[in-house]
Amino acid sequence: MIDITDAQKQQFQEEGYFILENVIPEPLLELLRGECGTFISQMDADMDRQDTDVLGINHRNKRYFVSNCFRKQPKLREFLFSDLMAEVCRATLGDTAYLFWEQYVVKGAEAGMKFSWHQDSGYVGYPDHKPYLTCWCALDDMSEENGTVYVMPFSQIGIRSWVKHVREEGSNDMVGYFGPEKGVPAIVPAGSIVAFTSINFHCSGTNYTSNLRRAYLAQYSAEPLLAHDGSRLWGNAEPLLRDGKSAVGDPPPDITSRFD
């Protein structure tokens, strides 16, 4: 069991983030690394089939975002529903938590593209949802040279609510901040977790090194997140915690009852 301090919990409440270094056990870290290459190859194959080098915000050999991998590779559930992630959720979301989303985020060697300032909630696209939790998990040692994530503390930017984003031509990034603040770079070893709210602005730099820069995102919500019209789930809503205890294996919530 990891020890998340009261100071870290307070920082999360006041600034929207904290950093846990060297907390992912080696077997789970190797699991995440081992599956990464498979999903990047699958994305390249998708690009081949569509005769393109750009699919959404994926850019061949430069930047990859491959989501919902756990549906194809159930082994990833060992990490997503681990005691480690349950403890992080308790410290941030409270006693109820659902798996909302997950994805690999990989920057190519020497040509790994930056990712613009955004809130994860900016990709949800509407303001009236409860902020969720992003756990940005470093699969490699992270530095400014290889394009680590930069997190903007609430106090540095003065924004702690949803902001409308605009799509950047060329990259297809959704961008919500154009100001001068630089944020806090996560200079962390592999196996670390940067936990932040979905309304914290963050970005990442270019990878100038000769190696891939690999991260894995696990995102959790305190309640099921629905599409704007409320008719369906936005992503996933697999229970992790209920009343502070493990809810792994419990059925997902029935949202259809809301419309009876």
Protein backbone atom coordinates (compact mmCIF):
# COMPACT_ATOMS: atom_id res chain seq x y z
CA MET A 1 0.00 0.00 0.00
CA ILE A 2 1.34 3.43 -0.91
CA ASP A 3 1.44 6.32 1.54
CA ILE A 4 -0.27 9.39 0.14
CA THR A 5 0.39 12.13 2.67
CA ASP A 6 -2.04 14.70 4.02
CA ALA A 7 0.12 17.37 2.38
CA GLN A 8 -0.29 15.70 -1.02
CA LYS A 9 -4.05 15.41 -0.53
CA GLN A 10 -4.22 19.09 0.43
CA GLN A 11 -2.16 20.02 -2.63
CA PHE A 12 -4.61 18.13 -4.81
CA GLN A 13 -7.52 20.07 -3.33
CA GLU A 14 -5.77 23.43 -3.61
CA GLU A 15 -3.75 23.06 -6.81
CA GLY A 16 -5.45 20.16 -8.56
CA TYR A 17 -2.52 17.73 -8.71
CA PHE A 18 0.19 15.80 -6.94
CA ILE A 19 3.07 13.57 -8.01
CA LEU A 20 3.84 10.08 -6.69
CA GLU A 21 7.33 8.89 -7.58
CA ASN A 22 8.29 5.22 -8.03
CA VAL A 23 4.94 3.81 -6.95
CA ILE A 24 4.03 1.41 -9.77
CA PRO A 25 5.29 -2.09 -8.84
CA GLU A 26 7.76 -3.54 -11.33
CA PRO A 27 5.47 -6.36 -12.52
CA LEU A 28 2.69 -3.88 -13.35
CA LEU A 29 5.15 -1.48 -14.97
CA GLU A 30 6.44 -4.28 -17.19
CA LEU A 31 2.87 -5.26 -18.04
CA LEU A 32 2.10 -1.71 -19.23
CA ARG A 33 5.34 -1.48 -21.19
CA GLY A 34 4.91 -4.90 -22.74
CA GLU A 35 1.50 -4.15 -24.23
CA CYS A 36 2.40 -0.67 -25.49
CA GLY A 37 4.17 -1.71 -28.70
CA THR A 38 1.30 -3.96 -29.75
CA PHE A 39 -1.19 -1.12 -29.70
CA ILE A 40 1.11 1.30 -31.52
CA SER A 41 1.52 -1.31 -34.26
CA GLN A 42 -2.25 -1.66 -34.46
CA MET A 43 -2.62 2.10 -34.89
CA ASP A 44 -0.04 2.05 -37.69
CA ALA A 45 -2.04 -0.73 -39.33
CA ASP A 46 -5.22 1.36 -39.07
CA MET A 47 -3.39 4.21 -40.79
CA ASP A 48 -2.19 1.82 -43.52
CA ARG A 49 -5.75 0.65 -44.17
CA GLN A 50 -6.94 4.26 -44.50
CA ASP A 51 -3.87 5.31 -46.51
CA THR A 52 -3.00 8.16 -44.16
CA ASP A 53 -0.36 9.23 -41.66
CA VAL A 54 -2.83 11.14 -39.47
CA LEU A 55 -5.87 9.77 -37.66
CA GLY A 56 -7.42 12.34 -35.34
CA ILE A 57 -4.63 13.41 -33.00
CA ASN A 58 -2.47 10.40 -33.94
CA HIS A 59 0.50 11.22 -36.20
CA ARG A 60 2.52 8.30 -37.53
CA ASN A 61 5.95 7.92 -35.85
CA LYS A 62 5.42 11.24 -34.06
CA ARG A 63 2.60 10.89 -31.56
CA TYR A 64 0.08 8.22 -30.60
CA PHE A 65 -3.06 8.16 -28.46
CA VAL A 66 -4.50 4.63 -28.34
CA SER A 67 -7.53 4.26 -26.07
CA ASN A 68 -9.68 1.56 -24.48
CA CYS A 69 -6.87 -0.94 -24.85
CA PHE A 70 -8.11 -2.89 -21.83
CA ARG A 71 -11.09 -4.05 -23.87
CA LYS A 72 -8.72 -5.83 -26.27
CA GLN A 73 -6.17 -6.85 -23.65
CA PRO A 74 -7.87 -7.74 -20.35
CA LYS A 75 -4.48 -8.14 -18.65
CA LEU A 76 -4.39 -4.34 -18.34
CA ARG A 77 -7.17 -4.61 -15.79
CA GLU A 78 -4.56 -5.88 -13.32
CA PHE A 79 -3.23 -2.33 -13.22
CA LEU A 80 -6.44 -0.37 -13.78
CA PHE A 81 -8.27 -2.12 -10.94
CA SER A 82 -5.28 -2.61 -8.64
CA ASP A 83 -5.06 -1.66 -4.98
CA LEU A 84 -2.63 1.06 -6.05
CA MET A 85 -5.16 2.81 -8.27
CA ALA A 86 -7.91 2.34 -5.70
CA GLU A 87 -5.75 4.15 -3.14
CA VAL A 88 -5.05 7.03 -5.53
CA CYS A 89 -8.78 7.34 -6.20
CA ARG A 90 -9.62 7.37 -2.48
CA ALA A 91 -7.14 10.20 -1.95
CA THR A 92 -8.56 12.29 -4.79
CA LEU A 93 -12.12 11.36 -5.74
CA GLY A 94 -13.30 9.91 -2.44
CA ASP A 95 -15.14 6.69 -1.65
CA THR A 96 -16.73 6.14 -5.07
CA ALA A 97 -14.77 5.68 -8.28
CA TYR A 98 -15.38 4.30 -11.76
CA LEU A 99 -12.92 3.62 -14.54
CA PHE A 100 -13.79 6.27 -17.13
CA TRP A 101 -11.09 6.02 -19.80
CA GLU A 102 -7.59 4.72 -20.45
CA GLN A 103 -5.05 5.16 -23.22
CA TYR A 104 -1.41 4.95 -24.18
CA VAL A 105 0.26 8.26 -25.03
CA VAL A 106 3.51 7.77 -26.92
CA LYS A 107 5.90 10.25 -28.53
CA GLY A 108 8.15 9.04 -31.32
CA ALA A 109 11.93 9.20 -31.10
CA GLU A 110 13.50 12.46 -32.31
CA ALA A 111 10.25 13.59 -33.94
CA GLY A 112 7.81 13.22 -31.05
CA MET A 113 5.25 16.03 -31.35
CA LYS A 114 4.30 18.39 -28.56
CA PHE A 115 0.75 18.36 -27.21
CA SER A 116 -0.96 21.72 -26.68
CA TRP A 117 -2.32 23.24 -23.46
CA HIS A 118 -5.68 21.69 -22.69
CA GLN A 119 -7.96 20.37 -20.00
CA ASP A 120 -8.99 16.75 -20.34
CA SER A 121 -12.52 17.99 -19.75
CA GLY A 122 -12.06 20.12 -22.86
CA TYR A 123 -12.22 16.91 -24.89
CA VAL A 124 -15.51 15.97 -23.23
CA GLY A 125 -16.83 19.15 -24.79
CA TYR A 126 -19.44 20.44 -22.35
CA PRO A 127 -19.13 22.08 -18.93
CA ASP A 128 -21.75 20.43 -16.75
CA HIS A 129 -19.91 17.33 -15.64
CA LYS A 130 -18.07 16.69 -12.41
CA PRO A 131 -14.26 16.90 -12.90
CA TYR A 132 -12.64 13.50 -13.11
CA LEU A 133 -9.16 12.20 -12.32
CA THR A 134 -6.28 11.63 -14.72
CA CYS A 135 -3.40 9.42 -13.61
CA TRP A 136 -0.52 10.03 -16.03
CA CYS A 137 1.76 7.05 -15.54
CA ALA A 138 5.39 7.30 -16.66
CA LEU A 139 6.58 4.15 -18.41
CA ASP A 140 10.01 5.71 -19.06
CA ASP A 141 12.20 8.13 -17.14
CA MET A 142 10.76 11.54 -17.94
CA SER A 143 12.60 14.76 -18.76
CA GLU A 144 11.99 18.01 -20.57
CA GLU A 145 14.14 16.63 -23.40
CA ASN A 146 11.85 13.69 -24.07
CA GLY A 147 8.60 15.63 -23.79
CA THR A 148 7.29 15.08 -20.29
CA VAL A 149 3.95 16.47 -19.15
CA TYR A 150 3.66 19.99 -17.69
CA VAL A 151 0.84 20.55 -15.20
CA MET A 152 -0.59 24.00 -14.44
CA PRO A 153 -1.37 24.52 -10.74
CA PHE A 154 -4.67 26.30 -10.12
CA SER A 155 -2.89 29.14 -8.31
CA GLN A 156 -0.57 29.76 -11.26
CA ILE A 157 -3.30 30.28 -13.82
CA GLY A 158 -6.30 31.30 -11.72
CA ILE A 159 -8.67 28.96 -13.59
CA ARG A 160 -10.37 26.01 -11.94
CA SER A 161 -13.41 25.47 -14.16
CA TRP A 162 -14.18 24.12 -17.64
CA VAL A 163 -13.02 26.30 -20.52
CA LYS A 164 -14.21 26.07 -24.13
CA HIS A 165 -11.41 24.77 -26.39
CA VAL A 166 -10.68 25.36 -30.07
CA ARG A 167 -9.25 22.86 -32.53
CA GLU A 168 -5.74 23.61 -33.75
CA GLU A 169 -5.33 23.16 -37.49
CA GLY A 170 -2.69 20.63 -38.49
CA SER A 171 -2.28 18.88 -35.14
CA ASN A 172 -6.05 18.50 -34.48
CA ASP A 173 -5.33 19.31 -30.82
CA MET A 174 -8.03 20.91 -28.72
CA VAL A 175 -6.44 24.02 -27.17
CA GLY A 176 -7.78 25.98 -24.20
CA TYR A 177 -4.87 28.15 -23.05
CA PHE A 178 -2.63 30.50 -25.01
CA GLY A 179 -1.02 32.47 -22.18
CA PRO A 180 2.59 32.79 -20.97
CA GLU A 181 2.54 30.52 -17.91
CA LYS A 182 4.79 27.44 -18.19
CA GLY A 183 3.38 25.09 -15.55
CA VAL A 184 5.36 22.49 -13.60
CA PRO A 185 7.33 19.86 -15.57
CA ALA A 186 7.09 16.31 -14.24
CA ILE A 187 10.74 15.25 -14.09
CA VAL A 188 10.08 11.78 -12.71
CA PRO A 189 11.48 8.25 -12.98
CA ALA A 190 9.61 5.44 -14.70
CA GLY A 191 6.91 4.02 -12.46
CA SER A 192 5.72 7.41 -11.23
CA ILE A 193 2.18 8.78 -11.36
CA VAL A 194 1.18 12.39 -11.97
CA ALA A 195 -2.40 12.70 -10.71
CA PHE A 196 -4.44 15.76 -11.70
CA THR A 197 -8.02 16.84 -12.21
CA SER A 198 -9.64 16.98 -15.63
CA ILE A 199 -9.83 20.79 -15.34
CA ASN A 200 -6.09 21.26 -14.73
CA PHE A 201 -4.44 22.62 -17.84
CA HIS A 202 -1.50 20.52 -18.99
CA CYS A 203 0.64 20.06 -22.07
CA SER A 204 3.72 18.14 -23.13
CA GLY A 205 6.82 19.01 -25.12
CA THR A 206 8.60 17.57 -28.12
CA ASN A 207 10.65 14.38 -27.73
CA TYR A 208 14.17 15.24 -28.91
CA THR A 209 15.75 12.01 -27.67
CA SER A 210 16.54 8.84 -29.62
CA ASN A 211 14.04 6.74 -27.64
CA LEU A 212 10.26 6.54 -27.46
CA ARG A 213 8.60 8.45 -24.65
CA ARG A 214 5.82 6.27 -23.29
CA ALA A 215 3.04 7.10 -20.83
CA TYR A 216 -0.19 5.38 -19.88
CA LEU A 217 -3.27 7.32 -18.81
CA ALA A 218 -5.82 5.85 -16.42
CA GLN A 219 -8.82 8.09 -15.80
CA TYR A 220 -11.47 7.67 -13.12
CA SER A 221 -14.68 9.51 -12.26
CA ALA A 222 -16.69 9.87 -9.07
CA GLU A 223 -19.89 9.25 -11.03
CA PRO A 224 -20.72 7.90 -14.49
CA LEU A 225 -20.01 10.52 -17.13
CA LEU A 226 -22.79 10.79 -19.67
CA ALA A 227 -22.99 12.25 -23.15
CA HIS A 228 -24.34 15.79 -23.33
CA ASP A 229 -27.90 14.63 -23.95
CA GLY A 230 -27.69 12.16 -21.06
CA SER A 231 -28.74 9.22 -23.20
CA ARG A 232 -25.55 7.15 -23.02
CA LEU A 233 -22.22 6.82 -21.26
CA TRP A 234 -19.47 9.09 -22.56
CA GLY A 235 -16.76 6.49 -21.99
CA ASN A 236 -16.69 3.66 -19.46
CA ALA A 237 -18.19 3.36 -16.00
CA GLU A 238 -16.72 0.19 -14.51
CA PRO A 239 -16.87 0.27 -10.70
CA LEU A 240 -13.60 0.42 -8.76
CA LEU A 241 -14.78 1.73 -5.39
CA ARG A 242 -18.12 1.93 -3.64
CA ASP A 243 -18.40 3.29 -0.09
CA GLY A 244 -14.61 3.21 0.10
CA LYS A 245 -14.41 -0.53 -0.54
CA SER A 246 -13.51 -2.49 -3.64
CA ALA A 247 -16.34 -2.74 -6.15
CA VAL A 248 -14.30 -4.58 -8.76
CA GLY A 249 -16.53 -7.05 -10.57
CA ASP A 250 -19.76 -5.25 -9.71
CA PRO A 251 -22.02 -4.56 -12.70
CA PRO A 252 -21.83 -1.12 -14.31
CA PRO A 253 -24.60 1.34 -13.36
CA ASP A 254 -27.85 1.14 -15.30
CA ILE A 255 -28.28 4.60 -16.76
CA THR A 256 -31.47 3.63 -18.61
CA SER A 257 -33.36 3.84 -15.30
CA ARG A 258 -32.91 7.60 -15.42
CA PHE A 259 -35.30 7.77 -18.36
CA ASP A 260 -38.05 5.41 -17.18
